[in-house]
Protein backbone atom coordinates (compact mmCIF):
# COMPACT_ATOMS: atom_id res chain seq x y z
CA MET A 1 4.82 -8.11 138.79
CA SER A 2 7.18 -7.12 141.58
CA ILE A 3 5.96 -4.28 143.74
CA PRO A 4 8.69 -1.81 144.79
CA LYS A 5 9.07 -1.31 148.52
CA PRO A 6 11.51 0.67 150.60
CA PRO A 7 14.69 -1.24 151.42
CA ASP A 8 15.45 -2.15 155.01
CA PRO A 9 17.83 0.19 156.78
CA ALA A 10 21.34 -1.21 157.20
CA LYS A 11 23.90 -1.46 159.99
CA LEU A 12 26.93 0.69 159.20
CA VAL A 13 30.18 -1.20 159.67
CA ILE A 14 33.59 0.40 159.21
CA SER A 15 36.82 -1.59 159.17
CA VAL A 16 39.95 0.38 159.96
CA PHE A 17 43.50 -0.86 159.66
CA MET A 18 46.79 0.84 160.32
CA LYS A 19 50.37 0.28 161.42
CA ASP A 20 50.20 2.55 164.48
CA LYS A 21 47.30 1.60 166.76
CA ALA A 22 47.29 5.12 168.25
CA VAL A 23 46.03 6.48 164.90
CA LEU A 24 42.60 5.03 165.66
CA GLU A 25 42.32 7.17 168.80
CA THR A 26 42.93 10.31 166.75
CA LEU A 27 40.27 9.26 164.20
CA PHE A 28 37.58 8.04 166.55
CA GLU A 29 35.72 11.33 166.94
CA ARG A 30 35.69 11.86 163.17
CA LEU A 31 34.40 8.34 162.60
CA GLU A 32 31.57 9.09 165.03
CA GLN A 33 30.81 12.27 163.08
CA ILE A 34 30.46 10.11 159.97
CA GLY A 35 28.56 7.17 161.50
CA GLY A 36 27.13 8.37 164.79
CA PRO A 37 27.60 6.71 168.18
CA VAL A 38 29.48 3.41 168.22
CA ASP A 39 27.48 0.30 169.02
CA MET A 40 30.20 -2.38 168.95
CA ILE A 41 33.93 -2.48 168.34
CA SER A 42 36.09 -5.54 167.80
CA LYS A 43 39.27 -6.31 169.63
CA TRP A 44 42.42 -5.78 167.59
CA LEU A 45 42.33 -8.32 164.78
CA ASP A 46 45.20 -9.94 162.90
CA PHE A 47 46.06 -8.53 159.53
CA ASP A 48 48.39 -11.11 158.07
CA PHE A 49 46.32 -12.29 155.11
CA THR A 50 48.05 -10.20 152.45
CA ASP A 51 51.15 -8.06 152.07
CA TYR A 52 49.39 -5.78 149.55
CA TYR A 53 49.46 -2.74 151.86
CA TYR A 54 52.90 -3.25 153.42
CA ARG A 55 54.80 -1.14 150.88
CA GLU A 56 52.53 1.84 151.48
CA MET A 57 51.72 1.46 155.17
CA GLY A 58 54.45 -0.70 156.66
CA PHE A 59 54.28 -3.85 158.76
CA PRO A 60 52.69 -5.17 160.90
CA LEU A 61 49.16 -3.87 160.35
CA PHE A 62 46.31 -3.99 162.84
CA ARG A 63 42.54 -3.93 162.25
CA ARG A 64 39.46 -3.04 164.23
CA VAL A 65 35.89 -3.38 163.02
CA ILE A 66 33.36 -0.83 164.25
CA ALA A 67 29.56 -1.03 164.09
CA PHE A 68 27.43 2.05 164.66
CA LYS A 69 24.16 2.34 166.60
CA GLU A 70 22.07 4.27 164.10
CA LEU A 71 20.82 2.32 161.11
CA ILE A 72 21.50 3.95 157.76
CA GLY A 73 19.81 4.02 154.41
CA GLN A 74 21.51 1.65 152.01
CA ASP A 75 21.84 4.57 149.59
CA ASP A 76 23.97 6.45 152.16
CA LEU A 77 26.97 4.18 151.58
CA SER A 78 28.49 6.13 148.68
CA ARG A 79 28.42 9.39 150.70
CA ILE A 80 29.99 7.61 153.67
CA LYS A 81 32.75 6.16 151.47
CA LEU A 82 33.58 9.62 150.14
CA SER A 83 33.81 10.89 153.74
CA THR A 84 36.13 8.07 154.79
CA ASN A 85 38.28 8.62 151.68
CA GLU A 86 38.67 12.26 152.75
CA LEU A 87 39.64 11.16 156.25
CA GLU A 88 42.28 8.83 154.80
CA LYS A 89 43.71 11.73 152.76
CA GLU A 90 43.82 14.00 155.81
CA ASN A 91 45.93 11.37 157.57
CA GLU A 92 48.48 10.82 154.82
CA SER A 93 52.13 11.32 155.60
CA GLY A 94 54.63 11.81 152.79
CA GLY A 95 51.94 10.87 150.26
CA ARG A 96 51.29 7.55 151.99
CA ARG A 97 48.20 6.51 153.86
CA GLN A 98 48.57 5.95 157.56
CA VAL A 99 45.15 4.32 157.76
CA ASN A 100 42.79 2.41 155.48
CA ILE A 101 39.09 2.89 156.20
CA ASP A 102 36.62 0.48 154.61
CA PRO A 103 32.96 1.36 155.17
CA GLY A 104 30.21 -1.09 154.42
CA TYR A 105 26.84 -2.14 155.61
CA LEU A 106 25.33 -5.29 156.98
CA LEU A 107 21.85 -6.66 156.37
CA SER A 108 20.56 -9.96 157.69
CA SER A 109 21.35 -11.58 154.31
CA ARG A 110 24.64 -9.99 153.28
CA PHE A 111 27.63 -7.77 153.94
CA ILE A 112 28.48 -5.08 151.39
CA LEU A 113 31.71 -3.04 151.22
CA ALA A 114 32.08 0.26 149.38
CA THR A 115 34.90 0.75 146.89
CA GLY A 116 35.95 3.14 144.17
CA LYS A 117 37.08 0.24 141.98
CA ASP A 118 34.72 -1.24 139.40
CA TYR A 119 34.72 -4.97 138.70
CA SER A 120 32.29 -7.58 137.36
CA HIS A 121 30.71 -8.41 140.74
CA ARG A 122 30.40 -4.80 141.91
CA ILE A 123 27.30 -2.67 141.44
CA TYR A 124 27.45 1.07 140.91
CA ILE A 125 25.80 2.87 143.86
CA GLY A 126 26.48 6.51 142.91
CA ASP A 127 29.15 9.19 143.37
CA GLN A 128 31.75 7.04 141.53
CA ILE A 129 31.43 4.36 144.23
CA TYR A 130 30.57 0.67 143.86
CA GLY A 131 29.06 -1.83 146.27
CA ASP A 132 30.97 -5.08 146.64
CA LEU A 133 28.94 -8.10 147.74
CA THR A 134 31.58 -9.41 150.14
CA LEU A 135 29.75 -12.05 152.20
CA MET A 136 26.36 -13.75 152.03
CA TYR A 137 24.56 -15.07 155.08
CA THR A 138 23.11 -18.58 155.09
CA GLY A 139 21.79 -20.72 157.93
CA GLN A 140 25.39 -21.74 158.59
CA GLY A 141 26.70 -18.18 158.93
CA PHE A 142 28.53 -15.79 156.65
CA LYS A 143 29.85 -17.38 153.50
CA PRO A 144 32.62 -15.90 151.35
CA LEU A 145 32.35 -15.66 147.60
CA GLU A 146 35.13 -16.40 145.15
CA TRP A 147 36.19 -12.71 145.18
CA THR A 148 35.96 -12.13 148.95
CA TYR A 149 39.22 -10.71 150.29
CA PRO A 150 41.12 -13.18 152.53
CA ASP A 151 40.80 -11.02 155.67
CA TYR A 152 37.00 -10.89 155.31
CA ARG A 153 37.00 -14.69 154.99
CA SER A 154 38.73 -15.04 158.35
CA LYS A 155 36.93 -16.51 161.34
CA GLN A 156 37.89 -13.44 163.39
CA VAL A 157 36.02 -11.10 161.05
CA THR A 158 33.04 -13.35 160.29
CA ASP A 159 32.53 -14.14 163.99
CA PHE A 160 32.43 -10.43 164.81
CA LEU A 161 30.09 -9.75 161.88
CA GLU A 162 27.81 -12.47 163.25
CA LYS A 163 27.60 -10.55 166.55
CA ILE A 164 26.82 -7.37 164.63
CA ARG A 165 24.15 -9.23 162.64
CA ASN A 166 22.48 -10.44 165.84
CA LYS A 167 22.39 -6.88 167.16
CA TYR A 168 21.11 -5.59 163.81
CA ILE A 169 18.17 -8.02 163.91
CA LEU A 170 17.29 -6.75 167.41
CA ASP A 171 17.57 -3.17 166.16
CA LEU A 172 15.18 -3.90 163.29
CA LYS A 173 12.66 -5.52 165.65
CA GLY A 174 12.89 -2.49 167.93
CA ARG A 175 12.12 -0.15 165.03
CA LYS A 176 9.13 -2.19 163.95
CA ASN A 177 7.72 -2.28 167.50
CA LYS A 178 7.74 1.52 167.77
């Protein structure tokens, strides 16, 4: 028989992409209200893996990945996704998004993204939101799955997630030593 136990807390990670890099500066305080103080932020990353968003947002697009200091409950992800959806709506112009905000969480074994879209590999997590198993961690690093979006397969993103994972493991050890 398996014995239920509380899940480990997770590292909140939010990926933000936009056409106008200045948009991130206007959103930063609100993102901190959602996730708390920032722990790590990537440099500007390429976003040339798909043209899916070009019609709505324009071209070129730029991405930053942000990790937050405070660990979250895994069950907080649906609430966070609803908050980031609201922030996207507040920043629409002419009915078009100016920014795409993808919250997720990282554990030592995997990276999960939140989405409002159901699909076979997504698990319902509440509030009309699904968790997408995006990457799995093995001894060789983060590994994409057949459905992993091309940008999350990129070395730029997985290398940064590896840094976040290392910090997350230290954070967990610090919590256990308290």
